[in-house]
Amino acid sequence: MADELPITITIEGRPYKLTIGRNEEETIRKAAKLIEGQISHYAKNYRYSDKQDLLAMVALHFATIAIHAQNEASFVTNSLSPTLTDIDSILTEALKD
């Protein structure tokens, strides 16, 4: 398809060939760069010598971030949205007068 783009990203010295949507290229490359940065961080600051251990710690790091983001989004959706809707209704009524 015309919207697809073949790219190669490198993580921990290994190339990965991907076919992605053109609109995803920047995100994919940024994600690979973040993974490389975290691998480097763990390699320098902790005593992990095995690449699998480094990748496992990076996976744990990003999974934890994703869970926190989901919890925050859930809080906004479940707790703040109804309150904001109520405030909007009150303000709308007040502006009618």
C-alpha atoms as a PDB file:
ATOM      1  CA  MET A   1       0.000   0.000   0.000  1.00  0.00           C
ATOM      2  CA  ALA A   2       1.083   3.575  -0.614  1.00  0.00           C
ATOM      3  CA  ASP A   3       0.636   4.452   3.052  1.00  0.00           C
ATOM      4  CA  GLU A   4       3.110   1.816   4.210  1.00  0.00           C
ATOM      5  CA  LEU A   5       6.801   2.408   4.676  1.00  0.00           C
ATOM      6  CA  PRO A   6       9.547  -0.191   5.169  1.00  0.00           C
ATOM      7  CA  ILE A   7      11.984   0.885   7.885  1.00  0.00           C
ATOM      8  CA  THR A   8      14.726  -0.707   9.921  1.00  0.00           C
ATOM      9  CA  ILE A   9      15.192   0.126  13.568  1.00  0.00           C
ATOM     10  CA  THR A  10      18.042  -1.091  15.717  1.00  0.00           C
ATOM     11  CA  ILE A  11      17.605  -2.169  19.325  1.00  0.00           C
ATOM     12  CA  GLU A  12      20.610  -3.365  21.280  1.00  0.00           C
ATOM     13  CA  GLY A  13      22.613  -3.832  18.113  1.00  0.00           C
ATOM     14  CA  ARG A  14      19.992  -5.932  16.344  1.00  0.00           C
ATOM     15  CA  PRO A  15      18.201  -4.601  13.284  1.00  0.00           C
ATOM     16  CA  TYR A  16      14.445  -5.061  13.010  1.00  0.00           C
ATOM     17  CA  LYS A  17      12.772  -4.574   9.647  1.00  0.00           C
ATOM     18  CA  LEU A  18       9.237  -3.265   9.932  1.00  0.00           C
ATOM     19  CA  THR A  19       6.540  -2.183   7.535  1.00  0.00           C
ATOM     20  CA  ILE A  20       4.577   0.611   9.150  1.00  0.00           C
ATOM     21  CA  GLY A  21       2.136   3.322   8.247  1.00  0.00           C
ATOM     22  CA  ARG A  22       3.898   6.508   7.151  1.00  0.00           C
ATOM     23  CA  ASN A  23       2.171   8.412   9.926  1.00  0.00           C
ATOM     24  CA  GLU A  24       3.731   6.051  12.518  1.00  0.00           C
ATOM     25  CA  GLU A  25       7.367   6.464  11.496  1.00  0.00           C
ATOM     26  CA  GLU A  26       8.234   9.261  13.920  1.00  0.00           C
ATOM     27  CA  THR A  27       6.563   7.461  16.823  1.00  0.00           C
ATOM     28  CA  ILE A  28       8.284   4.142  16.071  1.00  0.00           C
ATOM     29  CA  ARG A  29      11.706   5.751  15.740  1.00  0.00           C
ATOM     30  CA  LYS A  30      11.194   7.729  18.943  1.00  0.00           C
ATOM     31  CA  ALA A  31      10.116   4.556  20.769  1.00  0.00           C
ATOM     32  CA  ALA A  32      13.223   2.702  19.575  1.00  0.00           C
ATOM     33  CA  LYS A  33      15.386   5.609  20.740  1.00  0.00           C
ATOM     34  CA  LEU A  34      13.681   5.577  24.161  1.00  0.00           C
ATOM     35  CA  ILE A  35      14.269   1.828  24.469  1.00  0.00           C
ATOM     36  CA  GLU A  36      17.937   2.268  23.577  1.00  0.00           C
ATOM     37  CA  GLY A  37      18.229   5.049  26.160  1.00  0.00           C
ATOM     38  CA  GLN A  38      16.693   2.918  28.898  1.00  0.00           C
ATOM     39  CA  ILE A  39      18.904  -0.037  28.010  1.00  0.00           C
ATOM     40  CA  SER A  40      21.927   2.246  28.280  1.00  0.00           C
ATOM     41  CA  HIS A  41      20.672   3.622  31.601  1.00  0.00           C
ATOM     42  CA  TYR A  42      20.193   0.161  33.110  1.00  0.00           C
ATOM     43  CA  ALA A  43      23.528  -1.068  31.735  1.00  0.00           C
ATOM     44  CA  LYS A  44      25.395   1.873  33.307  1.00  0.00           C
ATOM     45  CA  ASN A  45      23.581   2.067  36.646  1.00  0.00           C
ATOM     46  CA  TYR A  46      22.877  -1.562  37.504  1.00  0.00           C
ATOM     47  CA  ARG A  47      24.844  -4.751  37.286  1.00  0.00           C
ATOM     48  CA  TYR A  48      23.025  -6.364  34.417  1.00  0.00           C
ATOM     49  CA  SER A  49      25.387  -7.921  31.949  1.00  0.00           C
ATOM     50  CA  ASP A  50      22.942 -10.121  30.070  1.00  0.00           C
ATOM     51  CA  LYS A  51      21.044  -8.387  27.252  1.00  0.00           C
ATOM     52  CA  GLN A  52      17.916 -10.354  28.128  1.00  0.00           C
ATOM     53  CA  ASP A  53      18.020  -8.973  31.689  1.00  0.00           C
ATOM     54  CA  LEU A  54      18.403  -5.438  30.333  1.00  0.00           C
ATOM     55  CA  LEU A  55      15.500  -5.882  27.936  1.00  0.00           C
ATOM     56  CA  ALA A  56      13.348  -7.378  30.705  1.00  0.00           C
ATOM     57  CA  MET A  57      14.016  -4.378  32.959  1.00  0.00           C
ATOM     58  CA  VAL A  58      13.236  -1.970  30.117  1.00  0.00           C
ATOM     59  CA  ALA A  59      10.005  -3.857  29.373  1.00  0.00           C
ATOM     60  CA  LEU A  60       9.085  -3.641  33.070  1.00  0.00           C
ATOM     61  CA  HIS A  61       9.893   0.080  33.098  1.00  0.00           C
ATOM     62  CA  PHE A  62       7.675   0.870  30.111  1.00  0.00           C
ATOM     63  CA  ALA A  63       4.882  -1.465  31.256  1.00  0.00           C
ATOM     64  CA  THR A  64       4.831   0.366  34.597  1.00  0.00           C
ATOM     65  CA  ILE A  65       4.586   3.710  32.807  1.00  0.00           C
ATOM     66  CA  ALA A  66       1.717   2.363  30.665  1.00  0.00           C
ATOM     67  CA  ILE A  67      -0.172   1.141  33.740  1.00  0.00           C
ATOM     68  CA  HIS A  68       0.234   4.514  35.453  1.00  0.00           C
ATOM     69  CA  ALA A  69      -1.036   6.248  32.306  1.00  0.00           C
ATOM     70  CA  GLN A  70      -4.047   3.918  32.132  1.00  0.00           C
ATOM     71  CA  ASN A  71      -4.837   4.563  35.790  1.00  0.00           C
ATOM     72  CA  GLU A  72      -4.614   8.300  35.269  1.00  0.00           C
ATOM     73  CA  ALA A  73      -6.812   8.165  32.173  1.00  0.00           C
ATOM     74  CA  SER A  74      -9.325   6.039  34.059  1.00  0.00           C
ATOM     75  CA  PHE A  75      -9.366   8.542  36.922  1.00  0.00           C
ATOM     76  CA  VAL A  76      -9.974  11.409  34.506  1.00  0.00           C
ATOM     77  CA  THR A  77     -12.722   9.506  32.704  1.00  0.00           C
ATOM     78  CA  ASN A  78     -14.467   8.148  35.789  1.00  0.00           C
ATOM     79  CA  SER A  79     -13.947  10.932  38.317  1.00  0.00           C
ATOM     80  CA  LEU A  80     -13.230  14.216  36.607  1.00  0.00           C
ATOM     81  CA  SER A  81     -15.412  14.006  33.509  1.00  0.00           C
ATOM     82  CA  PRO A  82     -18.739  13.825  35.390  1.00  0.00           C
ATOM     83  CA  THR A  83     -17.682  16.719  37.622  1.00  0.00           C
ATOM     84  CA  LEU A  84     -16.606  18.791  34.635  1.00  0.00           C
ATOM     85  CA  THR A  85     -19.896  18.008  32.914  1.00  0.00           C
ATOM     86  CA  ASP A  86     -21.766  19.216  36.014  1.00  0.00           C
ATOM     87  CA  ILE A  87     -19.693  22.401  36.129  1.00  0.00           C
ATOM     88  CA  ASP A  88     -20.338  22.990  32.430  1.00  0.00           C
ATOM     89  CA  SER A  89     -24.082  22.586  32.955  1.00  0.00           C
ATOM     90  CA  ILE A  90     -24.058  25.017  35.882  1.00  0.00           C
ATOM     91  CA  LEU A  91     -22.074  27.586  33.905  1.00  0.00           C
ATOM     92  CA  THR A  92     -24.296  27.180  30.856  1.00  0.00           C
ATOM     93  CA  GLU A  93     -27.391  27.788  32.989  1.00  0.00           C
ATOM     94  CA  ALA A  94     -25.788  30.773  34.717  1.00  0.00           C
ATOM     95  CA  LEU A  95     -24.881  32.368  31.386  1.00  0.00           C
ATOM     96  CA  LYS A  96     -28.448  32.014  30.091  1.00  0.00           C
ATOM     97  CA  ASP A  97     -29.737  34.377  32.763  1.00  0.00           C
END
